[in-house]
């Protein structure tokens, strides 16, 4: 990452000298993504704002809207939901002004995501539903898969395991029609959701199998923040199997990692709280300490260990 930043900053100077404002904006976006990958969230949000300033000065409204969309996504994972909601509404407004079907479809769906994370499932359902005709019109299979994924996430939160299973299955089927690179990211997400639904249904062997696929697919998407979803699934599986110490260890590892999303950390705390009830206080505390001391390879090995 250090070397990547050096090259990006060198490129930034050349773009600025040449007056290439699009290039300047592109570099600021890259710096935002690098800082997110490093867990430097304040620097990432600063970079998004710098990119937006460039596009506003250039008068490119569509790129401003896309910038707001990315910042909202980052805020929903690592910042505050209030921040995410405010700028998501602005991104939707610009997408509609620019008459971009693609930008509008994703802004509608992502607005549903923010409301889901807020626990307002009625609003989430409304905005998810508004996005679906747009996704279908532009034949955006990744978006259609995301639509079902959102419904699956809501069902998981409500403990509606069969409904969650059905929705994530629909997501996987939609993604089977997608051939672009980011399909792997969405597929790993849907598989992690399927695994958690199967745990709720008591189908532990099937859950393990699908979570193993998710944990192998996640790194292929080059997004290491995604790996924490199947790891959380394995923590839930351990808890359901009565392996409370392993459940706590994996959950504590997730909590110790800056790249795990706010939502995932909240769910990991819930696993720790539940699993700790089955153990003496000192045993639960020791398990948390072991989890906090683990590295990624050790956490994955713990998840994939055979019975």
C-alpha atoms as a PDB file:
ATOM      1  CA  UNK A   1       0.000   0.000   0.000  1.00  0.00           C
ATOM      2  CA  UNK A   2       2.830   2.412   0.771  1.00  0.00           C
ATOM      3  CA  UNK A   3       4.286   1.949  -2.692  1.00  0.00           C
ATOM      4  CA  UNK A   4       0.862   2.228  -4.291  1.00  0.00           C
ATOM      5  CA  UNK A   5       0.299   5.571  -2.551  1.00  0.00           C
ATOM      6  CA  UNK A   6       3.697   6.843  -3.730  1.00  0.00           C
ATOM      7  CA  UNK A   7       2.888   6.063  -7.364  1.00  0.00           C
ATOM      8  CA  UNK A   8      -0.614   7.519  -7.102  1.00  0.00           C
ATOM      9  CA  UNK A   9       0.684  10.739  -5.581  1.00  0.00           C
ATOM     10  CA  UNK A  10       3.333  11.014  -8.298  1.00  0.00           C
ATOM     11  CA  UNK A  11       0.638  10.514 -10.934  1.00  0.00           C
ATOM     12  CA  UNK A  12      -1.516  13.132  -9.206  1.00  0.00           C
ATOM     13  CA  UNK A  13       1.191  15.755  -9.685  1.00  0.00           C
ATOM     14  CA  UNK A  14       1.381  15.046 -13.425  1.00  0.00           C
ATOM     15  CA  UNK A  15      -2.399  15.146 -13.823  1.00  0.00           C
ATOM     16  CA  UNK A  16      -2.524  18.478 -11.988  1.00  0.00           C
ATOM     17  CA  UNK A  17       0.260  19.941 -14.138  1.00  0.00           C
ATOM     18  CA  UNK A  18      -1.479  18.812 -17.326  1.00  0.00           C
ATOM     19  CA  UNK A  19      -4.824  20.188 -16.180  1.00  0.00           C
ATOM     20  CA  UNK A  20      -6.527  16.793 -16.526  1.00  0.00           C
ATOM     21  CA  UNK A  21      -9.294  17.188 -13.963  1.00  0.00           C
ATOM     22  CA  UNK A  22     -10.787  13.763 -14.665  1.00  0.00           C
ATOM     23  CA  UNK A  23      -7.384  12.204 -13.978  1.00  0.00           C
ATOM     24  CA  UNK A  24      -7.024  14.204 -10.762  1.00  0.00           C
ATOM     25  CA  UNK A  25     -10.431  13.000  -9.620  1.00  0.00           C
ATOM     26  CA  UNK A  26      -9.601   9.407 -10.528  1.00  0.00           C
ATOM     27  CA  UNK A  27      -6.456   9.500  -8.395  1.00  0.00           C
ATOM     28  CA  UNK A  28      -8.346  10.887  -5.398  1.00  0.00           C
ATOM     29  CA  UNK A  29     -10.831   8.008  -5.778  1.00  0.00           C
ATOM     30  CA  UNK A  30      -7.962   5.508  -5.851  1.00  0.00           C
ATOM     31  CA  UNK A  31      -6.494   7.079  -2.725  1.00  0.00           C
ATOM     32  CA  UNK A  32      -9.881   6.782  -1.021  1.00  0.00           C
ATOM     33  CA  UNK A  33     -10.045   3.072  -1.843  1.00  0.00           C
ATOM     34  CA  UNK A  34      -6.470   2.465  -0.701  1.00  0.00           C
ATOM     35  CA  UNK A  35      -7.154   4.213   2.595  1.00  0.00           C
ATOM     36  CA  UNK A  36     -10.287   2.137   3.106  1.00  0.00           C
ATOM     37  CA  UNK A  37      -8.235  -1.012   2.528  1.00  0.00           C
ATOM     38  CA  UNK A  38      -5.763   0.185   5.150  1.00  0.00           C
ATOM     39  CA  UNK A  39      -8.452   1.042   7.659  1.00  0.00           C
ATOM     40  CA  UNK A  40      -7.644   4.762   7.445  1.00  0.00           C
ATOM     41  CA  UNK A  41     -11.245   5.890   7.305  1.00  0.00           C
ATOM     42  CA  UNK A  42     -10.799   9.605   7.981  1.00  0.00           C
ATOM     43  CA  UNK A  43      -8.245   9.856   5.166  1.00  0.00           C
ATOM     44  CA  UNK A  44     -10.593   7.926   2.885  1.00  0.00           C
ATOM     45  CA  UNK A  45     -13.490  10.312   3.495  1.00  0.00           C
ATOM     46  CA  UNK A  46     -11.127  13.249   2.948  1.00  0.00           C
ATOM     47  CA  UNK A  47     -10.116  11.771  -0.415  1.00  0.00           C
ATOM     48  CA  UNK A  48     -13.773  11.343  -1.439  1.00  0.00           C
ATOM     49  CA  UNK A  49     -14.405  15.002  -0.622  1.00  0.00           C
ATOM     50  CA  UNK A  50     -11.365  16.071  -2.652  1.00  0.00           C
ATOM     51  CA  UNK A  51     -12.592  14.054  -5.621  1.00  0.00           C
ATOM     52  CA  UNK A  52     -16.045  15.598  -5.311  1.00  0.00           C
ATOM     53  CA  UNK A  53     -14.558  19.101  -5.140  1.00  0.00           C
ATOM     54  CA  UNK A  54     -12.738  18.459  -8.438  1.00  0.00           C
ATOM     55  CA  UNK A  55     -15.888  17.225 -10.205  1.00  0.00           C
ATOM     56  CA  UNK A  56     -18.036  20.037  -8.822  1.00  0.00           C
ATOM     57  CA  UNK A  57     -15.535  22.573 -10.085  1.00  0.00           C
ATOM     58  CA  UNK A  58     -15.546  20.854 -13.494  1.00  0.00           C
ATOM     59  CA  UNK A  59     -19.367  20.910 -13.520  1.00  0.00           C
ATOM     60  CA  UNK A  60     -19.691  17.160 -14.027  1.00  0.00           C
ATOM     61  CA  UNK A  61     -22.861  16.353 -12.080  1.00  0.00           C
ATOM     62  CA  UNK A  62     -22.964  12.659 -12.920  1.00  0.00           C
ATOM     63  CA  UNK A  63     -19.476  12.059 -11.528  1.00  0.00           C
ATOM     64  CA  UNK A  64     -20.441  14.017  -8.409  1.00  0.00           C
ATOM     65  CA  UNK A  65     -23.364  11.640  -7.953  1.00  0.00           C
ATOM     66  CA  UNK A  66     -21.174   8.568  -8.421  1.00  0.00           C
ATOM     67  CA  UNK A  67     -18.705   9.966  -5.896  1.00  0.00           C
ATOM     68  CA  UNK A  68     -21.514  10.466  -3.374  1.00  0.00           C
ATOM     69  CA  UNK A  69     -22.623   6.890  -3.979  1.00  0.00           C
ATOM     70  CA  UNK A  70     -19.187   5.485  -3.096  1.00  0.00           C
ATOM     71  CA  UNK A  71     -18.871   7.699  -0.042  1.00  0.00           C
ATOM     72  CA  UNK A  72     -22.313   6.621   1.157  1.00  0.00           C
ATOM     73  CA  UNK A  73     -21.323   2.979   0.806  1.00  0.00           C
ATOM     74  CA  UNK A  74     -18.169   3.562   2.864  1.00  0.00           C
ATOM     75  CA  UNK A  75     -20.103   5.534   5.490  1.00  0.00           C
ATOM     76  CA  UNK A  76     -22.672   2.752   5.859  1.00  0.00           C
ATOM     77  CA  UNK A  77     -19.863   0.307   6.647  1.00  0.00           C
ATOM     78  CA  UNK A  78     -17.361   2.392   8.577  1.00  0.00           C
ATOM     79  CA  UNK A  79     -18.986   5.715   9.439  1.00  0.00           C
ATOM     80  CA  UNK A  80     -22.464   6.679  10.563  1.00  0.00           C
ATOM     81  CA  UNK A  81     -25.748   5.700   8.970  1.00  0.00           C
ATOM     82  CA  UNK A  82     -26.945   9.307   9.215  1.00  0.00           C
ATOM     83  CA  UNK A  83     -24.004  10.367   7.046  1.00  0.00           C
ATOM     84  CA  UNK A  84     -24.685   7.513   4.627  1.00  0.00           C
ATOM     85  CA  UNK A  85     -28.385   8.366   4.351  1.00  0.00           C
ATOM     86  CA  UNK A  86     -27.885  12.086   3.747  1.00  0.00           C
ATOM     87  CA  UNK A  87     -25.437  11.700   0.880  1.00  0.00           C
ATOM     88  CA  UNK A  88     -27.256   8.682  -0.552  1.00  0.00           C
ATOM     89  CA  UNK A  89     -30.346  10.857  -1.023  1.00  0.00           C
ATOM     90  CA  UNK A  90     -28.195  13.419  -2.836  1.00  0.00           C
ATOM     91  CA  UNK A  91     -26.730  10.751  -5.108  1.00  0.00           C
ATOM     92  CA  UNK A  92     -30.234   9.547  -6.009  1.00  0.00           C
ATOM     93  CA  UNK A  93     -31.347  13.091  -6.765  1.00  0.00           C
ATOM     94  CA  UNK A  94     -28.428  13.627  -9.125  1.00  0.00           C
ATOM     95  CA  UNK A  95     -28.907  10.234 -10.829  1.00  0.00           C
ATOM     96  CA  UNK A  96     -32.520  11.132 -11.565  1.00  0.00           C
ATOM     97  CA  UNK A  97     -31.559  14.609 -12.773  1.00  0.00           C
ATOM     98  CA  UNK A  98     -28.981  13.065 -15.125  1.00  0.00           C
ATOM     99  CA  UNK A  99     -31.534  10.489 -16.306  1.00  0.00           C
ATOM    100  CA  UNK A 100     -29.054   7.649 -15.748  1.00  0.00           C
ATOM    101  CA  UNK A 101     -30.920   4.362 -15.398  1.00  0.00           C
ATOM    102  CA  UNK A 102     -27.852   2.560 -14.069  1.00  0.00           C
ATOM    103  CA  UNK A 103     -27.051   5.188 -11.436  1.00  0.00           C
ATOM    104  CA  UNK A 104     -30.699   5.493 -10.444  1.00  0.00           C
ATOM    105  CA  UNK A 105     -31.156   1.729 -10.053  1.00  0.00           C
ATOM    106  CA  UNK A 106     -28.198   1.427  -7.689  1.00  0.00           C
ATOM    107  CA  UNK A 107     -29.036   4.592  -5.753  1.00  0.00           C
ATOM    108  CA  UNK A 108     -32.558   3.276  -5.124  1.00  0.00           C
ATOM    109  CA  UNK A 109     -31.286  -0.110  -3.977  1.00  0.00           C
ATOM    110  CA  UNK A 110     -28.532   1.359  -1.826  1.00  0.00           C
ATOM    111  CA  UNK A 111     -31.029   3.681  -0.174  1.00  0.00           C
ATOM    112  CA  UNK A 112     -32.895   0.516   0.786  1.00  0.00           C
ATOM    113  CA  UNK A 113     -29.648  -0.856   2.203  1.00  0.00           C
ATOM    114  CA  UNK A 114     -29.142   2.163   4.445  1.00  0.00           C
ATOM    115  CA  UNK A 115     -32.687   1.871   5.794  1.00  0.00           C
ATOM    116  CA  UNK A 116     -32.156  -1.864   6.359  1.00  0.00           C
ATOM    117  CA  UNK A 117     -29.036  -1.149   8.379  1.00  0.00           C
ATOM    118  CA  UNK A 118     -31.059   1.385  10.356  1.00  0.00           C
ATOM    119  CA  UNK A 119     -33.594  -1.335  11.156  1.00  0.00           C
ATOM    120  CA  UNK A 120     -36.356   0.388   9.189  1.00  0.00           C
ATOM    121  CA  UNK A 121     -37.392  -2.650   7.164  1.00  0.00           C
ATOM    122  CA  UNK A 122     -40.578  -1.097   5.813  1.00  0.00           C
ATOM    123  CA  UNK A 123     -38.637   1.714   4.161  1.00  0.00           C
ATOM    124  CA  UNK A 124     -35.943  -0.718   3.058  1.00  0.00           C
ATOM    125  CA  UNK A 125     -38.525  -2.923   1.353  1.00  0.00           C
ATOM    126  CA  UNK A 126     -40.007   0.120  -0.409  1.00  0.00           C
ATOM    127  CA  UNK A 127     -36.703   1.268  -1.875  1.00  0.00           C
ATOM    128  CA  UNK A 128     -35.534  -2.226  -2.782  1.00  0.00           C
ATOM    129  CA  UNK A 129     -38.800  -2.700  -4.654  1.00  0.00           C
ATOM    130  CA  UNK A 130     -38.347   0.573  -6.541  1.00  0.00           C
ATOM    131  CA  UNK A 131     -34.933  -0.539  -7.767  1.00  0.00           C
ATOM    132  CA  UNK A 132     -36.023  -3.885  -9.239  1.00  0.00           C
ATOM    133  CA  UNK A 133     -37.776  -2.598 -12.420  1.00  0.00           C
ATOM    134  CA  UNK A 134     -34.695  -0.514 -13.222  1.00  0.00           C
ATOM    135  CA  UNK A 135     -32.383  -3.485 -12.775  1.00  0.00           C
ATOM    136  CA  UNK A 136     -34.649  -5.607 -14.968  1.00  0.00           C
ATOM    137  CA  UNK A 137     -34.890  -2.927 -17.650  1.00  0.00           C
ATOM    138  CA  UNK A 138     -31.113  -2.598 -18.013  1.00  0.00           C
ATOM    139  CA  UNK A 139     -30.611  -6.359 -17.487  1.00  0.00           C
ATOM    140  CA  UNK A 140     -28.371  -5.773 -14.482  1.00  0.00           C
ATOM    141  CA  UNK A 141     -28.072  -9.299 -13.083  1.00  0.00           C
ATOM    142  CA  UNK A 142     -25.764  -8.200 -10.285  1.00  0.00           C
ATOM    143  CA  UNK A 143     -28.418  -5.700  -9.236  1.00  0.00           C
ATOM    144  CA  UNK A 144     -31.188  -8.301  -9.384  1.00  0.00           C
ATOM    145  CA  UNK A 145     -29.034 -10.587  -7.257  1.00  0.00           C
ATOM    146  CA  UNK A 146     -28.498  -7.712  -4.828  1.00  0.00           C
ATOM    147  CA  UNK A 147     -32.261  -7.124  -4.648  1.00  0.00           C
ATOM    148  CA  UNK A 148     -32.842 -10.678  -3.427  1.00  0.00           C
ATOM    149  CA  UNK A 149     -29.801 -10.398  -1.162  1.00  0.00           C
ATOM    150  CA  UNK A 150     -31.321  -7.388   0.581  1.00  0.00           C
ATOM    151  CA  UNK A 151     -34.536  -9.301   1.203  1.00  0.00           C
ATOM    152  CA  UNK A 152     -32.482 -12.210   2.508  1.00  0.00           C
ATOM    153  CA  UNK A 153     -30.626  -9.970   4.946  1.00  0.00           C
ATOM    154  CA  UNK A 154     -33.910  -8.623   6.316  1.00  0.00           C
ATOM    155  CA  UNK A 155     -35.244 -12.154   6.752  1.00  0.00           C
ATOM    156  CA  UNK A 156     -32.079 -13.150   8.629  1.00  0.00           C
ATOM    157  CA  UNK A 157     -32.507 -10.204  10.983  1.00  0.00           C
ATOM    158  CA  UNK A 158     -36.087 -11.308  11.683  1.00  0.00           C
ATOM    159  CA  UNK A 159     -35.127 -14.952  12.220  1.00  0.00           C
ATOM    160  CA  UNK A 160     -37.164 -16.004   9.174  1.00  0.00           C
ATOM    161  CA  UNK A 161     -34.740 -18.727   8.167  1.00  0.00           C
ATOM    162  CA  UNK A 162     -36.700 -20.379   5.343  1.00  0.00           C
ATOM    163  CA  UNK A 163     -37.497 -16.993   3.782  1.00  0.00           C
ATOM    164  CA  UNK A 164     -33.843 -15.982   4.044  1.00  0.00           C
ATOM    165  CA  UNK A 165     -32.773 -19.245   2.429  1.00  0.00           C
ATOM    166  CA  UNK A 166     -35.177 -18.769  -0.482  1.00  0.00           C
ATOM    167  CA  UNK A 167     -34.110 -15.166  -1.105  1.00  0.00           C
ATOM    168  CA  UNK A 168     -30.396 -15.952  -1.063  1.00  0.00           C
ATOM    169  CA  UNK A 169     -31.006 -18.875  -3.404  1.00  0.00           C
ATOM    170  CA  UNK A 170     -32.698 -16.459  -5.824  1.00  0.00           C
ATOM    171  CA  UNK A 171     -29.695 -14.164  -5.484  1.00  0.00           C
ATOM    172  CA  UNK A 172     -27.309 -16.977  -6.398  1.00  0.00           C
ATOM    173  CA  UNK A 173     -29.449 -17.913  -9.424  1.00  0.00           C
ATOM    174  CA  UNK A 174     -29.481 -14.309 -10.662  1.00  0.00           C
ATOM    175  CA  UNK A 175     -25.721 -14.067 -10.245  1.00  0.00           C
ATOM    176  CA  UNK A 176     -25.285 -17.224 -12.322  1.00  0.00           C
ATOM    177  CA  UNK A 177     -26.322 -15.047 -15.296  1.00  0.00           C
ATOM    178  CA  UNK A 178     -23.626 -12.475 -14.483  1.00  0.00           C
ATOM    179  CA  UNK A 179     -20.208 -12.791 -16.098  1.00  0.00           C
ATOM    180  CA  UNK A 180     -18.434  -9.635 -14.962  1.00  0.00           C
ATOM    181  CA  UNK A 181     -15.609  -9.714 -12.440  1.00  0.00           C
ATOM    182  CA  UNK A 182     -17.587  -8.410  -9.463  1.00  0.00           C
ATOM    183  CA  UNK A 183     -19.920 -11.409  -9.647  1.00  0.00           C
ATOM    184  CA  UNK A 184     -17.522 -13.239  -7.298  1.00  0.00           C
ATOM    185  CA  UNK A 185     -17.972 -10.596  -4.578  1.00  0.00           C
ATOM    186  CA  UNK A 186     -21.754 -10.804  -4.730  1.00  0.00           C
ATOM    187  CA  UNK A 187     -21.680 -14.599  -4.890  1.00  0.00           C
ATOM    188  CA  UNK A 188     -19.514 -14.855  -1.758  1.00  0.00           C
ATOM    189  CA  UNK A 189     -21.909 -12.503   0.061  1.00  0.00           C
ATOM    190  CA  UNK A 190     -24.961 -14.544  -0.973  1.00  0.00           C
ATOM    191  CA  UNK A 191     -23.252 -17.804   0.023  1.00  0.00           C
ATOM    192  CA  UNK A 192     -22.459 -16.390   3.474  1.00  0.00           C
ATOM    193  CA  UNK A 193     -26.124 -15.445   3.825  1.00  0.00           C
ATOM    194  CA  UNK A 194     -27.221 -18.903   2.697  1.00  0.00           C
ATOM    195  CA  UNK A 195     -24.951 -20.441   5.306  1.00  0.00           C
ATOM    196  CA  UNK A 196     -26.475 -18.409   8.117  1.00  0.00           C
ATOM    197  CA  UNK A 197     -29.995 -19.287   6.923  1.00  0.00           C
ATOM    198  CA  UNK A 198     -29.110 -22.994   6.894  1.00  0.00           C
ATOM    199  CA  UNK A 199     -27.774 -22.701  10.459  1.00  0.00           C
ATOM    200  CA  UNK A 200     -31.123 -21.263  11.494  1.00  0.00           C
ATOM    201  CA  UNK A 201     -32.841 -24.199   9.804  1.00  0.00           C
ATOM    202  CA  UNK A 202     -30.629 -26.646  11.700  1.00  0.00           C
ATOM    203  CA  UNK A 203     -28.932 -27.913   8.522  1.00  0.00           C
ATOM    204  CA  UNK A 204     -25.413 -27.690   9.869  1.00  0.00           C
ATOM    205  CA  UNK A 205     -23.589 -29.897   7.335  1.00  0.00           C
ATOM    206  CA  UNK A 206     -25.067 -27.952   4.412  1.00  0.00           C
ATOM    207  CA  UNK A 207     -24.241 -24.696   6.170  1.00  0.00           C
ATOM    208  CA  UNK A 208     -20.609 -25.715   6.593  1.00  0.00           C
ATOM    209  CA  UNK A 209     -20.355 -26.666   2.925  1.00  0.00           C
ATOM    210  CA  UNK A 210     -21.720 -23.373   1.606  1.00  0.00           C
ATOM    211  CA  UNK A 211     -19.704 -21.296   4.091  1.00  0.00           C
ATOM    212  CA  UNK A 212     -16.558 -23.068   2.927  1.00  0.00           C
ATOM    213  CA  UNK A 213     -17.355 -21.961  -0.630  1.00  0.00           C
ATOM    214  CA  UNK A 214     -17.913 -18.396   0.562  1.00  0.00           C
ATOM    215  CA  UNK A 215     -14.650 -18.294   2.487  1.00  0.00           C
ATOM    216  CA  UNK A 216     -12.753 -19.418  -0.623  1.00  0.00           C
ATOM    217  CA  UNK A 217     -14.589 -17.046  -2.982  1.00  0.00           C
ATOM    218  CA  UNK A 218     -14.238 -13.936  -0.826  1.00  0.00           C
ATOM    219  CA  UNK A 219     -10.464 -13.415  -1.321  1.00  0.00           C
ATOM    220  CA  UNK A 220     -10.863 -13.887  -5.087  1.00  0.00           C
ATOM    221  CA  UNK A 221     -12.863 -10.642  -5.168  1.00  0.00           C
ATOM    222  CA  UNK A 222      -9.810  -8.733  -3.840  1.00  0.00           C
ATOM    223  CA  UNK A 223     -11.965  -7.304  -1.047  1.00  0.00           C
ATOM    224  CA  UNK A 224     -10.682  -8.552   2.281  1.00  0.00           C
ATOM    225  CA  UNK A 225     -13.490  -6.847   4.171  1.00  0.00           C
ATOM    226  CA  UNK A 226     -15.850  -9.456   2.693  1.00  0.00           C
ATOM    227  CA  UNK A 227     -14.041 -12.376   4.357  1.00  0.00           C
ATOM    228  CA  UNK A 228     -15.592 -11.446   7.696  1.00  0.00           C
ATOM    229  CA  UNK A 229     -19.087 -12.446   6.517  1.00  0.00           C
ATOM    230  CA  UNK A 230     -18.343 -16.172   6.111  1.00  0.00           C
ATOM    231  CA  UNK A 231     -16.154 -16.020   9.236  1.00  0.00           C
ATOM    232  CA  UNK A 232     -19.178 -14.685  11.110  1.00  0.00           C
ATOM    233  CA  UNK A 233     -21.183 -17.535   9.608  1.00  0.00           C
ATOM    234  CA  UNK A 234     -18.694 -20.045  11.004  1.00  0.00           C
ATOM    235  CA  UNK A 235     -18.821 -18.317  14.405  1.00  0.00           C
ATOM    236  CA  UNK A 236     -22.610 -18.734  14.349  1.00  0.00           C
ATOM    237  CA  UNK A 237     -22.218 -22.352  13.291  1.00  0.00           C
ATOM    238  CA  UNK A 238     -19.842 -23.059  16.174  1.00  0.00           C
ATOM    239  CA  UNK A 239     -22.297 -21.447  18.579  1.00  0.00           C
ATOM    240  CA  UNK A 240     -25.171 -23.563  17.224  1.00  0.00           C
ATOM    241  CA  UNK A 241     -23.062 -26.712  17.593  1.00  0.00           C
ATOM    242  CA  UNK A 242     -22.257 -25.880  21.206  1.00  0.00           C
ATOM    243  CA  UNK A 243     -18.636 -25.009  20.434  1.00  0.00           C
ATOM    244  CA  UNK A 244     -18.846 -21.814  22.418  1.00  0.00           C
ATOM    245  CA  UNK A 245     -15.127 -21.125  22.775  1.00  0.00           C
ATOM    246  CA  UNK A 246     -14.497 -21.353  19.018  1.00  0.00           C
ATOM    247  CA  UNK A 247     -17.537 -19.142  18.398  1.00  0.00           C
ATOM    248  CA  UNK A 248     -16.163 -16.525  20.760  1.00  0.00           C
ATOM    249  CA  UNK A 249     -12.643 -16.723  19.317  1.00  0.00           C
ATOM    250  CA  UNK A 250     -13.814 -16.098  15.749  1.00  0.00           C
ATOM    251  CA  UNK A 251     -16.186 -13.340  16.820  1.00  0.00           C
ATOM    252  CA  UNK A 252     -13.476 -11.634  18.875  1.00  0.00           C
ATOM    253  CA  UNK A 253     -11.163 -11.799  15.857  1.00  0.00           C
ATOM    254  CA  UNK A 254     -13.818 -10.082  13.709  1.00  0.00           C
ATOM    255  CA  UNK A 255     -14.244  -7.360  16.330  1.00  0.00           C
ATOM    256  CA  UNK A 256     -10.488  -6.741  16.440  1.00  0.00           C
ATOM    257  CA  UNK A 257     -10.224  -6.067  12.697  1.00  0.00           C
ATOM    258  CA  UNK A 258     -10.615  -2.523  11.394  1.00  0.00           C
ATOM    259  CA  UNK A 259     -11.872  -3.716   7.994  1.00  0.00           C
ATOM    260  CA  UNK A 260     -14.874  -5.619   9.352  1.00  0.00           C
ATOM    261  CA  UNK A 261     -18.057  -3.629   8.787  1.00  0.00           C
ATOM    262  CA  UNK A 262     -20.015  -1.979  11.596  1.00  0.00           C
ATOM    263  CA  UNK A 263     -22.935  -4.350  10.990  1.00  0.00           C
ATOM    264  CA  UNK A 264     -20.680  -7.412  11.080  1.00  0.00           C
ATOM    265  CA  UNK A 265     -19.099  -6.256  14.329  1.00  0.00           C
ATOM    266  CA  UNK A 266     -22.518  -5.794  15.894  1.00  0.00           C
ATOM    267  CA  UNK A 267     -23.482  -9.327  14.881  1.00  0.00           C
ATOM    268  CA  UNK A 268     -20.163 -10.660  16.236  1.00  0.00           C
ATOM    269  CA  UNK A 269     -20.896  -9.026  19.604  1.00  0.00           C
ATOM    270  CA  UNK A 270     -24.246 -10.789  19.651  1.00  0.00           C
ATOM    271  CA  UNK A 271     -22.533 -14.159  19.073  1.00  0.00           C
ATOM    272  CA  UNK A 272     -20.086 -13.475  21.906  1.00  0.00           C
ATOM    273  CA  UNK A 273     -22.880 -12.463  24.252  1.00  0.00           C
ATOM    274  CA  UNK A 274     -24.901 -15.574  23.448  1.00  0.00           C
ATOM    275  CA  UNK A 275     -21.990 -18.031  23.522  1.00  0.00           C
ATOM    276  CA  UNK A 276     -20.583 -16.583  26.755  1.00  0.00           C
ATOM    277  CA  UNK A 277     -23.721 -17.617  28.634  1.00  0.00           C
ATOM    278  CA  UNK A 278     -22.604 -21.245  28.273  1.00  0.00           C
ATOM    279  CA  UNK A 279     -19.152 -20.725  29.778  1.00  0.00           C
ATOM    280  CA  UNK A 280     -17.557 -19.595  33.032  1.00  0.00           C
ATOM    281  CA  UNK A 281     -16.612 -15.931  32.827  1.00  0.00           C
ATOM    282  CA  UNK A 282     -12.865 -16.579  32.872  1.00  0.00           C
ATOM    283  CA  UNK A 283     -13.120 -19.173  30.076  1.00  0.00           C
ATOM    284  CA  UNK A 284     -15.131 -16.795  27.879  1.00  0.00           C
ATOM    285  CA  UNK A 285     -12.629 -14.003  28.564  1.00  0.00           C
ATOM    286  CA  UNK A 286      -9.696 -16.233  27.637  1.00  0.00           C
ATOM    287  CA  UNK A 287     -11.415 -17.200  24.380  1.00  0.00           C
ATOM    288  CA  UNK A 288     -11.866 -13.521  23.514  1.00  0.00           C
ATOM    289  CA  UNK A 289      -8.195 -12.846  24.185  1.00  0.00           C
ATOM    290  CA  UNK A 290      -7.153 -15.735  21.931  1.00  0.00           C
ATOM    291  CA  UNK A 291      -9.393 -14.413  19.164  1.00  0.00           C
ATOM    292  CA  UNK A 292      -8.005 -10.898  19.467  1.00  0.00           C
ATOM    293  CA  UNK A 293      -4.455 -12.270  19.147  1.00  0.00           C
ATOM    294  CA  UNK A 294      -5.159 -14.287  15.969  1.00  0.00           C
ATOM    295  CA  UNK A 295      -4.129 -13.285  12.473  1.00  0.00           C
ATOM    296  CA  UNK A 296      -6.197 -13.831   9.326  1.00  0.00           C
ATOM    297  CA  UNK A 297      -4.610 -17.163   8.411  1.00  0.00           C
ATOM    298  CA  UNK A 298      -5.243 -18.509  11.906  1.00  0.00           C
ATOM    299  CA  UNK A 299      -8.867 -17.338  11.858  1.00  0.00           C
ATOM    300  CA  UNK A 300      -9.507 -19.007   8.491  1.00  0.00           C
ATOM    301  CA  UNK A 301      -7.796 -22.212   9.684  1.00  0.00           C
ATOM    302  CA  UNK A 302     -10.008 -22.236  12.799  1.00  0.00           C
ATOM    303  CA  UNK A 303     -13.116 -21.800  10.657  1.00  0.00           C
ATOM    304  CA  UNK A 304     -12.156 -24.578   8.241  1.00  0.00           C
ATOM    305  CA  UNK A 305     -10.915 -27.102  10.789  1.00  0.00           C
ATOM    306  CA  UNK A 306     -12.502 -30.515  10.529  1.00  0.00           C
ATOM    307  CA  UNK A 307     -14.486 -31.936  13.439  1.00  0.00           C
END
